[in-house]
């Protein structure tokens, strides 16, 4: 899978508005694969990315049901909630490690750097504060919302914080390539599922497999 990341000349306002002018000319990617058995509930999940010299901009849109969010603190188990995830290597060498930025529908995130999968180093609280986040749902969604619900999360990720962990960071610029995958999960909802953008050839759900990352091409 390949996604072209377009440069934005103006900073994108972070307000979780999927339809605002800044995103209208940027094609979305879509998570069409699943891991494990085919889920009874497979929410349509899309994402858009853009960049400038200072930051990566990311927005997700999920046409969902059975929505839940109970993780209230950053670096908590957000994957158990209705959650979208961006795993990436700021370059092409996945053996040098990768980042996993996971965010539930209420805007609470887990952000780690992994050299050995699932033995990651948490990104510092000070750096988490630099990630500007917006979300449409309440921070806590409990009890679960079973009705059809479309939700969005959006964030601005400063690229300079990545160099602390991935020393050979390739800053976004025309011609630069990163490796990445995008995921949607909801482990502890009434209708769990594990969706992916780039296909992952594993019999059980496992997102920590950088060998199956797709490609981001910066334009």
Protein backbone atom coordinates (compact mmCIF):
# COMPACT_ATOMS: atom_id res chain seq x y z
CA UNK A 1 0.00 0.00 0.00
CA UNK A 2 1.21 3.49 -0.87
CA UNK A 3 -0.21 6.83 0.26
CA UNK A 4 0.95 10.19 -1.09
CA UNK A 5 1.26 12.82 1.63
CA UNK A 6 0.75 16.32 0.27
CA UNK A 7 2.46 19.43 1.56
CA UNK A 8 0.29 22.16 3.04
CA UNK A 9 1.39 25.78 2.60
CA UNK A 10 -0.74 26.96 5.52
CA UNK A 11 -1.01 25.40 9.00
CA UNK A 12 -4.13 23.26 9.30
CA UNK A 13 -6.44 24.29 12.16
CA UNK A 14 -6.91 21.38 14.56
CA UNK A 15 -10.67 21.15 15.15
CA UNK A 16 -11.63 17.59 14.07
CA UNK A 17 -13.56 18.89 11.05
CA UNK A 18 -13.16 16.30 8.29
CA UNK A 19 -14.89 18.55 5.72
CA UNK A 20 -12.97 21.80 6.23
CA UNK A 21 -11.30 23.38 3.18
CA UNK A 22 -7.79 22.35 4.25
CA UNK A 23 -8.67 18.66 3.76
CA UNK A 24 -11.00 18.82 0.75
CA UNK A 25 -8.33 18.31 -1.91
CA UNK A 26 -6.50 15.57 0.01
CA UNK A 27 -7.57 12.04 -0.84
CA UNK A 28 -8.21 9.73 2.13
CA UNK A 29 -6.82 6.30 2.67
CA UNK A 30 -9.20 3.59 3.91
CA UNK A 31 -8.77 0.62 6.22
CA UNK A 32 -10.22 -2.28 4.26
CA UNK A 33 -8.43 -5.29 5.76
CA UNK A 34 -9.13 -7.06 9.04
CA UNK A 35 -7.19 -9.38 11.31
CA UNK A 36 -8.57 -12.54 12.86
CA UNK A 37 -12.09 -13.65 11.95
CA UNK A 38 -14.16 -11.25 9.87
CA UNK A 39 -15.86 -8.97 12.41
CA UNK A 40 -19.61 -8.66 12.67
CA UNK A 41 -19.10 -4.90 12.94
CA UNK A 42 -16.52 -3.46 10.54
CA UNK A 43 -16.70 0.34 10.75
CA UNK A 44 -15.68 2.36 7.72
CA UNK A 45 -12.43 4.03 8.77
CA UNK A 46 -10.59 6.67 6.74
CA UNK A 47 -7.59 8.90 7.36
CA UNK A 48 -5.95 11.88 5.70
CA UNK A 49 -2.39 13.13 6.14
CA UNK A 50 -0.59 16.34 5.22
CA UNK A 51 2.70 17.92 6.24
CA UNK A 52 4.90 20.98 6.37
CA UNK A 53 8.45 21.48 7.61
CA UNK A 54 7.35 21.51 11.24
CA UNK A 55 4.63 18.88 11.55
CA UNK A 56 2.59 15.97 10.28
CA UNK A 57 -1.17 16.54 10.28
CA UNK A 58 -3.45 13.51 10.74
CA UNK A 59 -7.23 13.20 10.79
CA UNK A 60 -9.33 10.02 11.12
CA UNK A 61 -13.03 9.61 10.38
CA UNK A 62 -14.88 6.52 11.62
CA UNK A 63 -18.46 5.54 10.73
CA UNK A 64 -18.97 3.48 13.83
CA UNK A 65 -21.32 1.82 16.30
CA UNK A 66 -20.78 0.37 19.78
CA UNK A 67 -18.52 3.31 20.64
CA UNK A 68 -16.78 3.36 24.02
CA UNK A 69 -13.95 5.34 25.66
CA UNK A 70 -12.96 4.87 29.30
CA UNK A 71 -9.17 5.44 29.25
CA UNK A 72 -8.91 8.94 30.69
CA UNK A 73 -5.14 9.37 31.00
CA UNK A 74 -2.48 9.53 28.31
CA UNK A 75 -0.34 6.38 27.99
CA UNK A 76 -3.27 4.31 29.26
CA UNK A 77 -4.82 1.30 27.47
CA UNK A 78 -6.64 3.25 24.75
CA UNK A 79 -6.62 0.21 22.42
CA UNK A 80 -9.33 -1.32 24.59
CA UNK A 81 -11.62 1.59 23.61
CA UNK A 82 -12.88 2.70 20.20
CA UNK A 83 -9.44 3.60 18.90
CA UNK A 84 -7.50 4.57 15.78
CA UNK A 85 -3.75 4.07 15.46
CA UNK A 86 -0.85 5.40 13.38
CA UNK A 87 2.30 3.24 13.43
CA UNK A 88 5.26 4.66 11.50
CA UNK A 89 8.99 4.72 10.91
CA UNK A 90 10.34 8.17 9.92
CA UNK A 91 12.45 6.64 7.19
CA UNK A 92 12.62 3.25 5.50
CA UNK A 93 14.61 1.20 8.05
CA UNK A 94 11.98 -0.51 10.22
CA UNK A 95 14.74 -2.42 12.04
CA UNK A 96 15.76 0.88 13.69
CA UNK A 97 12.42 1.06 15.47
CA UNK A 98 8.99 2.56 14.95
CA UNK A 99 6.47 4.80 16.69
CA UNK A 100 2.94 3.81 17.66
CA UNK A 101 0.52 6.66 18.25
CA UNK A 102 -2.82 5.29 19.40
CA UNK A 103 -5.82 7.52 20.15
CA UNK A 104 -9.31 6.72 21.39
CA UNK A 105 -12.39 8.57 20.21
CA UNK A 106 -12.13 10.92 23.21
CA UNK A 107 -8.66 12.17 22.24
CA UNK A 108 -6.70 10.24 24.87
CA UNK A 109 -3.48 8.83 23.44
CA UNK A 110 -0.75 6.30 23.93
CA UNK A 111 2.49 7.21 22.15
CA UNK A 112 5.56 4.97 22.35
CA UNK A 113 8.77 4.33 20.45
CA UNK A 114 9.43 0.64 19.85
CA UNK A 115 12.76 -0.99 19.08
CA UNK A 116 11.55 -4.36 20.29
CA UNK A 117 7.80 -4.72 19.68
CA UNK A 118 5.72 -4.19 22.83
CA UNK A 119 8.76 -3.12 24.85
CA UNK A 120 8.46 0.51 23.90
CA UNK A 121 9.71 3.72 25.47
CA UNK A 122 6.86 6.10 26.32
CA UNK A 123 7.08 9.54 24.76
CA UNK A 124 7.53 12.10 27.53
CA UNK A 125 4.60 13.97 29.04
CA UNK A 126 6.19 17.23 27.93
CA UNK A 127 6.23 16.07 24.31
CA UNK A 128 2.68 14.76 24.52
CA UNK A 129 1.61 18.26 25.52
CA UNK A 130 3.05 19.55 22.25
CA UNK A 131 0.71 17.35 20.18
CA UNK A 132 -2.34 19.46 19.43
CA UNK A 133 -5.46 17.25 19.47
CA UNK A 134 -9.14 17.74 18.65
CA UNK A 135 -12.00 15.23 18.86
CA UNK A 136 -15.78 15.28 18.30
CA UNK A 137 -16.80 12.77 20.97
CA UNK A 138 -16.73 13.40 24.71
CA UNK A 139 -13.52 12.42 26.48
CA UNK A 140 -15.33 9.61 28.32
CA UNK A 141 -17.98 7.59 26.47
CA UNK A 142 -19.52 5.19 28.95
CA UNK A 143 -21.87 3.42 28.69
CA UNK A 144 -21.21 2.31 25.15
CA UNK A 145 -23.12 4.10 22.38
CA UNK A 146 -24.73 1.39 20.26
CA UNK A 147 -26.38 3.71 17.72
CA UNK A 148 -24.63 4.59 14.44
CA UNK A 149 -22.10 7.30 15.30
CA UNK A 150 -19.55 9.03 13.12
CA UNK A 151 -16.54 10.37 15.01
CA UNK A 152 -13.31 12.12 14.14
CA UNK A 153 -9.99 12.79 15.81
CA UNK A 154 -7.33 15.12 14.44
CA UNK A 155 -3.83 16.02 15.59
CA UNK A 156 -0.70 17.94 14.73
CA UNK A 157 2.50 15.99 15.42
CA UNK A 158 5.72 18.08 15.62
CA UNK A 159 8.42 16.21 13.75
CA UNK A 160 11.34 17.47 15.82
CA UNK A 161 10.32 15.28 18.78
CA UNK A 162 10.94 12.14 16.70
CA UNK A 163 14.69 12.70 16.46
CA UNK A 164 15.14 11.98 20.17
CA UNK A 165 14.30 8.34 19.50
CA UNK A 166 14.86 7.63 15.81
CA UNK A 167 18.22 9.26 15.17
CA UNK A 168 18.16 8.86 11.39
CA UNK A 169 14.81 10.64 11.06
CA UNK A 170 14.06 11.70 7.51
CA UNK A 171 12.13 14.94 7.83
CA UNK A 172 9.10 15.20 5.57
CA UNK A 173 10.03 16.76 2.24
CA UNK A 174 9.31 16.05 -1.42
CA UNK A 175 10.79 12.68 -2.35
CA UNK A 176 11.13 11.42 1.23
CA UNK A 177 9.62 8.00 2.05
CA UNK A 178 8.41 6.67 5.40
CA UNK A 179 6.98 3.27 6.32
CA UNK A 180 3.63 3.14 8.12
CA UNK A 181 0.37 1.39 8.85
CA UNK A 182 -2.99 2.57 10.16
CA UNK A 183 -5.28 0.58 12.41
CA UNK A 184 -8.73 0.63 14.00
CA UNK A 185 -9.56 -1.47 17.04
CA UNK A 186 -12.04 -1.70 19.89
CA UNK A 187 -10.78 -4.58 22.00
CA UNK A 188 -13.14 -4.27 24.98
CA UNK A 189 -16.28 -3.04 23.29
CA UNK A 190 -19.25 -5.31 22.67
CA UNK A 191 -18.16 -5.72 19.03
CA UNK A 192 -14.34 -5.94 18.91
CA UNK A 193 -12.49 -5.69 15.61
CA UNK A 194 -8.95 -5.18 14.31
CA UNK A 195 -8.76 -3.33 10.98
CA UNK A 196 -5.69 -2.40 8.94
CA UNK A 197 -4.74 -0.23 5.97
CA UNK A 198 -1.78 -2.29 4.78
CA UNK A 199 -2.48 -6.02 4.86
CA UNK A 200 -0.91 -7.93 7.76
CA UNK A 201 -0.41 -11.63 7.15
CA UNK A 202 -0.82 -12.97 10.69
CA UNK A 203 -3.38 -15.50 11.96
CA UNK A 204 -4.18 -13.47 15.08
CA UNK A 205 -4.56 -9.71 15.55
CA UNK A 206 -1.11 -8.17 15.91
CA UNK A 207 -0.36 -4.57 14.96
CA UNK A 208 3.30 -4.63 16.02
CA UNK A 209 4.60 -6.06 12.77
CA UNK A 210 6.60 -3.37 10.92
CA UNK A 211 7.52 -5.86 8.20
CA UNK A 212 3.98 -5.34 6.87
CA UNK A 213 4.01 -1.53 6.95
CA UNK A 214 2.97 0.25 3.79
CA UNK A 215 4.66 3.33 2.33
CA UNK A 216 4.13 7.06 2.80
CA UNK A 217 5.50 9.13 -0.08
CA UNK A 218 5.86 12.84 0.65
CA UNK A 219 5.04 15.13 -2.27
